[in-house]
């Protein structure tokens, strides 16, 4: 995770999604419980109460799902298979970029009509 600069990874058994392992899981279930990170299987410390969202969902629906399910990472599915993995940070960056672009368009419009 550190090498990839990501805060969470999906855990599969073959093509079947089994869990999510996050920095929060590492801290709560490994560090705080004083488990040996080298010998502790991820399957013992990963989150298995996952929520997914279909790829047809909107940005707002994804954010609402994360908020209502108190999670910061959300697997995205197509026909029951995981095709992507969203983070709250990615969604916030995307939302900020959209708002910034809207702001620039509004300022340009106001300036041209002033």
C-alpha atoms as a PDB file:
ATOM      1  CA  UNK A   1       0.000   0.000   0.000  1.00  0.00           C
ATOM      2  CA  UNK A   2       2.840   2.367   0.847  1.00  0.00           C
ATOM      3  CA  UNK A   3       4.563   1.676  -2.467  1.00  0.00           C
ATOM      4  CA  UNK A   4       1.335   2.359  -4.348  1.00  0.00           C
ATOM      5  CA  UNK A   5       0.431   5.410  -2.220  1.00  0.00           C
ATOM      6  CA  UNK A   6      -3.050   4.055  -1.500  1.00  0.00           C
ATOM      7  CA  UNK A   7      -4.989   3.915   1.738  1.00  0.00           C
ATOM      8  CA  UNK A   8      -6.833   0.679   1.033  1.00  0.00           C
ATOM      9  CA  UNK A   9      -6.754  -2.422  -1.121  1.00  0.00           C
ATOM     10  CA  UNK A  10      -9.354  -4.937  -2.192  1.00  0.00           C
ATOM     11  CA  UNK A  11      -8.872  -8.544  -1.090  1.00  0.00           C
ATOM     12  CA  UNK A  12      -9.989 -11.291  -3.478  1.00  0.00           C
ATOM     13  CA  UNK A  13     -10.155 -15.056  -3.447  1.00  0.00           C
ATOM     14  CA  UNK A  14      -9.923 -15.721  -7.160  1.00  0.00           C
ATOM     15  CA  UNK A  15     -12.451 -13.338  -8.685  1.00  0.00           C
ATOM     16  CA  UNK A  16     -14.589 -13.192  -5.521  1.00  0.00           C
ATOM     17  CA  UNK A  17     -14.314 -10.020  -3.431  1.00  0.00           C
ATOM     18  CA  UNK A  18     -13.659 -11.033   0.181  1.00  0.00           C
ATOM     19  CA  UNK A  19     -12.801  -7.784   1.927  1.00  0.00           C
ATOM     20  CA  UNK A  20     -11.102  -4.422   2.074  1.00  0.00           C
ATOM     21  CA  UNK A  21      -7.890  -3.813   3.980  1.00  0.00           C
ATOM     22  CA  UNK A  22      -7.293  -0.175   4.878  1.00  0.00           C
ATOM     23  CA  UNK A  23      -4.911   1.955   6.899  1.00  0.00           C
ATOM     24  CA  UNK A  24      -7.661   2.104   9.506  1.00  0.00           C
ATOM     25  CA  UNK A  25      -7.732  -1.719   9.678  1.00  0.00           C
ATOM     26  CA  UNK A  26      -3.962  -1.741  10.063  1.00  0.00           C
ATOM     27  CA  UNK A  27      -4.081   0.672  12.972  1.00  0.00           C
ATOM     28  CA  UNK A  28      -7.152  -0.775  14.753  1.00  0.00           C
ATOM     29  CA  UNK A  29      -6.619  -4.483  14.196  1.00  0.00           C
ATOM     30  CA  UNK A  30      -2.858  -4.827  13.920  1.00  0.00           C
ATOM     31  CA  UNK A  31      -1.063  -1.987  15.701  1.00  0.00           C
ATOM     32  CA  UNK A  32      -3.504  -1.418  18.573  1.00  0.00           C
ATOM     33  CA  UNK A  33      -3.903  -5.156  19.134  1.00  0.00           C
ATOM     34  CA  UNK A  34      -0.100  -5.563  18.996  1.00  0.00           C
ATOM     35  CA  UNK A  35      -0.191  -8.163  16.243  1.00  0.00           C
ATOM     36  CA  UNK A  36       2.940  -8.906  14.249  1.00  0.00           C
ATOM     37  CA  UNK A  37       2.411  -7.267  10.805  1.00  0.00           C
ATOM     38  CA  UNK A  38       4.799  -9.761   9.222  1.00  0.00           C
ATOM     39  CA  UNK A  39       2.876 -12.848  10.304  1.00  0.00           C
ATOM     40  CA  UNK A  40      -0.735 -11.684  10.604  1.00  0.00           C
ATOM     41  CA  UNK A  41      -2.872 -12.854   7.676  1.00  0.00           C
ATOM     42  CA  UNK A  42      -4.815 -10.039   6.040  1.00  0.00           C
ATOM     43  CA  UNK A  43      -7.914 -12.236   6.200  1.00  0.00           C
ATOM     44  CA  UNK A  44      -7.920 -11.868  10.005  1.00  0.00           C
ATOM     45  CA  UNK A  45      -7.756  -8.077  10.040  1.00  0.00           C
ATOM     46  CA  UNK A  46      -9.547  -6.916   6.886  1.00  0.00           C
ATOM     47  CA  UNK A  47     -13.019  -5.407   6.844  1.00  0.00           C
ATOM     48  CA  UNK A  48     -15.581  -7.836   5.508  1.00  0.00           C
ATOM     49  CA  UNK A  49     -18.736  -5.785   6.048  1.00  0.00           C
ATOM     50  CA  UNK A  50     -18.308  -4.072   2.685  1.00  0.00           C
ATOM     51  CA  UNK A  51     -20.666  -2.009   0.673  1.00  0.00           C
ATOM     52  CA  UNK A  52     -20.465  -1.820  -3.108  1.00  0.00           C
ATOM     53  CA  UNK A  53     -22.046   0.408  -5.699  1.00  0.00           C
ATOM     54  CA  UNK A  54     -23.000  -0.247  -9.298  1.00  0.00           C
ATOM     55  CA  UNK A  55     -21.044   1.581 -11.977  1.00  0.00           C
ATOM     56  CA  UNK A  56     -24.259   3.242 -13.172  1.00  0.00           C
ATOM     57  CA  UNK A  57     -24.562   5.171  -9.883  1.00  0.00           C
ATOM     58  CA  UNK A  58     -23.940   8.901  -9.867  1.00  0.00           C
ATOM     59  CA  UNK A  59     -21.168  10.704  -8.029  1.00  0.00           C
ATOM     60  CA  UNK A  60     -23.734  11.920  -5.514  1.00  0.00           C
ATOM     61  CA  UNK A  61     -25.029   8.389  -4.917  1.00  0.00           C
ATOM     62  CA  UNK A  62     -21.488   7.136  -4.313  1.00  0.00           C
ATOM     63  CA  UNK A  63     -20.815   9.938  -1.824  1.00  0.00           C
ATOM     64  CA  UNK A  64     -24.143   9.325  -0.074  1.00  0.00           C
ATOM     65  CA  UNK A  65     -23.390   5.599   0.163  1.00  0.00           C
ATOM     66  CA  UNK A  66     -19.994   6.294   1.702  1.00  0.00           C
ATOM     67  CA  UNK A  67     -21.505   8.700   4.196  1.00  0.00           C
ATOM     68  CA  UNK A  68     -24.450   6.524   5.195  1.00  0.00           C
ATOM     69  CA  UNK A  69     -22.262   3.405   5.487  1.00  0.00           C
ATOM     70  CA  UNK A  70     -19.417   5.256   7.223  1.00  0.00           C
ATOM     71  CA  UNK A  71     -16.765   4.085   4.775  1.00  0.00           C
ATOM     72  CA  UNK A  72     -14.074   5.881   2.820  1.00  0.00           C
ATOM     73  CA  UNK A  73     -13.601   3.284   0.079  1.00  0.00           C
ATOM     74  CA  UNK A  74     -16.203   1.783  -2.204  1.00  0.00           C
ATOM     75  CA  UNK A  75     -15.824  -1.077  -4.687  1.00  0.00           C
ATOM     76  CA  UNK A  76     -17.637  -0.385  -7.956  1.00  0.00           C
ATOM     77  CA  UNK A  77     -19.372  -3.322  -9.628  1.00  0.00           C
ATOM     78  CA  UNK A  78     -20.682  -4.288 -13.047  1.00  0.00           C
ATOM     79  CA  UNK A  79     -22.888  -7.381 -13.162  1.00  0.00           C
ATOM     80  CA  UNK A  80     -21.700  -8.322  -9.679  1.00  0.00           C
ATOM     81  CA  UNK A  81     -17.983  -8.150 -10.548  1.00  0.00           C
ATOM     82  CA  UNK A  82     -15.647  -5.459  -9.216  1.00  0.00           C
ATOM     83  CA  UNK A  83     -14.476  -3.113 -11.983  1.00  0.00           C
ATOM     84  CA  UNK A  84     -13.152  -0.158  -9.963  1.00  0.00           C
ATOM     85  CA  UNK A  85     -12.407   1.069  -6.466  1.00  0.00           C
ATOM     86  CA  UNK A  86     -13.361   4.591  -5.369  1.00  0.00           C
ATOM     87  CA  UNK A  87     -11.985   6.533  -2.462  1.00  0.00           C
ATOM     88  CA  UNK A  88     -13.630   9.468  -0.728  1.00  0.00           C
ATOM     89  CA  UNK A  89     -10.527  11.502  -1.543  1.00  0.00           C
ATOM     90  CA  UNK A  90     -10.913  10.803  -5.273  1.00  0.00           C
ATOM     91  CA  UNK A  91     -14.568  11.790  -5.166  1.00  0.00           C
ATOM     92  CA  UNK A  92     -13.779  15.012  -3.320  1.00  0.00           C
ATOM     93  CA  UNK A  93     -11.016  15.899  -5.813  1.00  0.00           C
ATOM     94  CA  UNK A  94     -13.403  15.254  -8.708  1.00  0.00           C
ATOM     95  CA  UNK A  95     -16.147  17.329  -7.079  1.00  0.00           C
ATOM     96  CA  UNK A  96     -13.705  20.173  -6.371  1.00  0.00           C
ATOM     97  CA  UNK A  97     -12.482  20.147  -9.985  1.00  0.00           C
ATOM     98  CA  UNK A  98     -16.092  20.365 -11.215  1.00  0.00           C
ATOM     99  CA  UNK A  99     -16.911  23.258  -8.869  1.00  0.00           C
ATOM    100  CA  UNK A 100     -13.727  25.085  -9.847  1.00  0.00           C
ATOM    101  CA  UNK A 101     -14.594  24.739 -13.537  1.00  0.00           C
ATOM    102  CA  UNK A 102     -18.146  25.961 -12.889  1.00  0.00           C
ATOM    103  CA  UNK A 103     -16.746  28.930 -10.987  1.00  0.00           C
ATOM    104  CA  UNK A 104     -14.435  29.851 -13.893  1.00  0.00           C
ATOM    105  CA  UNK A 105     -17.337  29.645 -16.368  1.00  0.00           C
ATOM    106  CA  UNK A 106     -19.540  31.803 -14.160  1.00  0.00           C
ATOM    107  CA  UNK A 107     -16.790  34.425 -13.757  1.00  0.00           C
ATOM    108  CA  UNK A 108     -16.192  34.475 -17.501  1.00  0.00           C
ATOM    109  CA  UNK A 109     -19.913  34.861 -18.132  1.00  0.00           C
ATOM    110  CA  UNK A 110     -20.231  37.680 -15.600  1.00  0.00           C
ATOM    111  CA  UNK A 111     -17.169  39.458 -16.997  1.00  0.00           C
ATOM    112  CA  UNK A 112     -18.441  39.266 -20.581  1.00  0.00           C
ATOM    113  CA  UNK A 113     -21.866  40.626 -19.604  1.00  0.00           C
ATOM    114  CA  UNK A 114     -20.696  43.400 -17.322  1.00  0.00           C
END
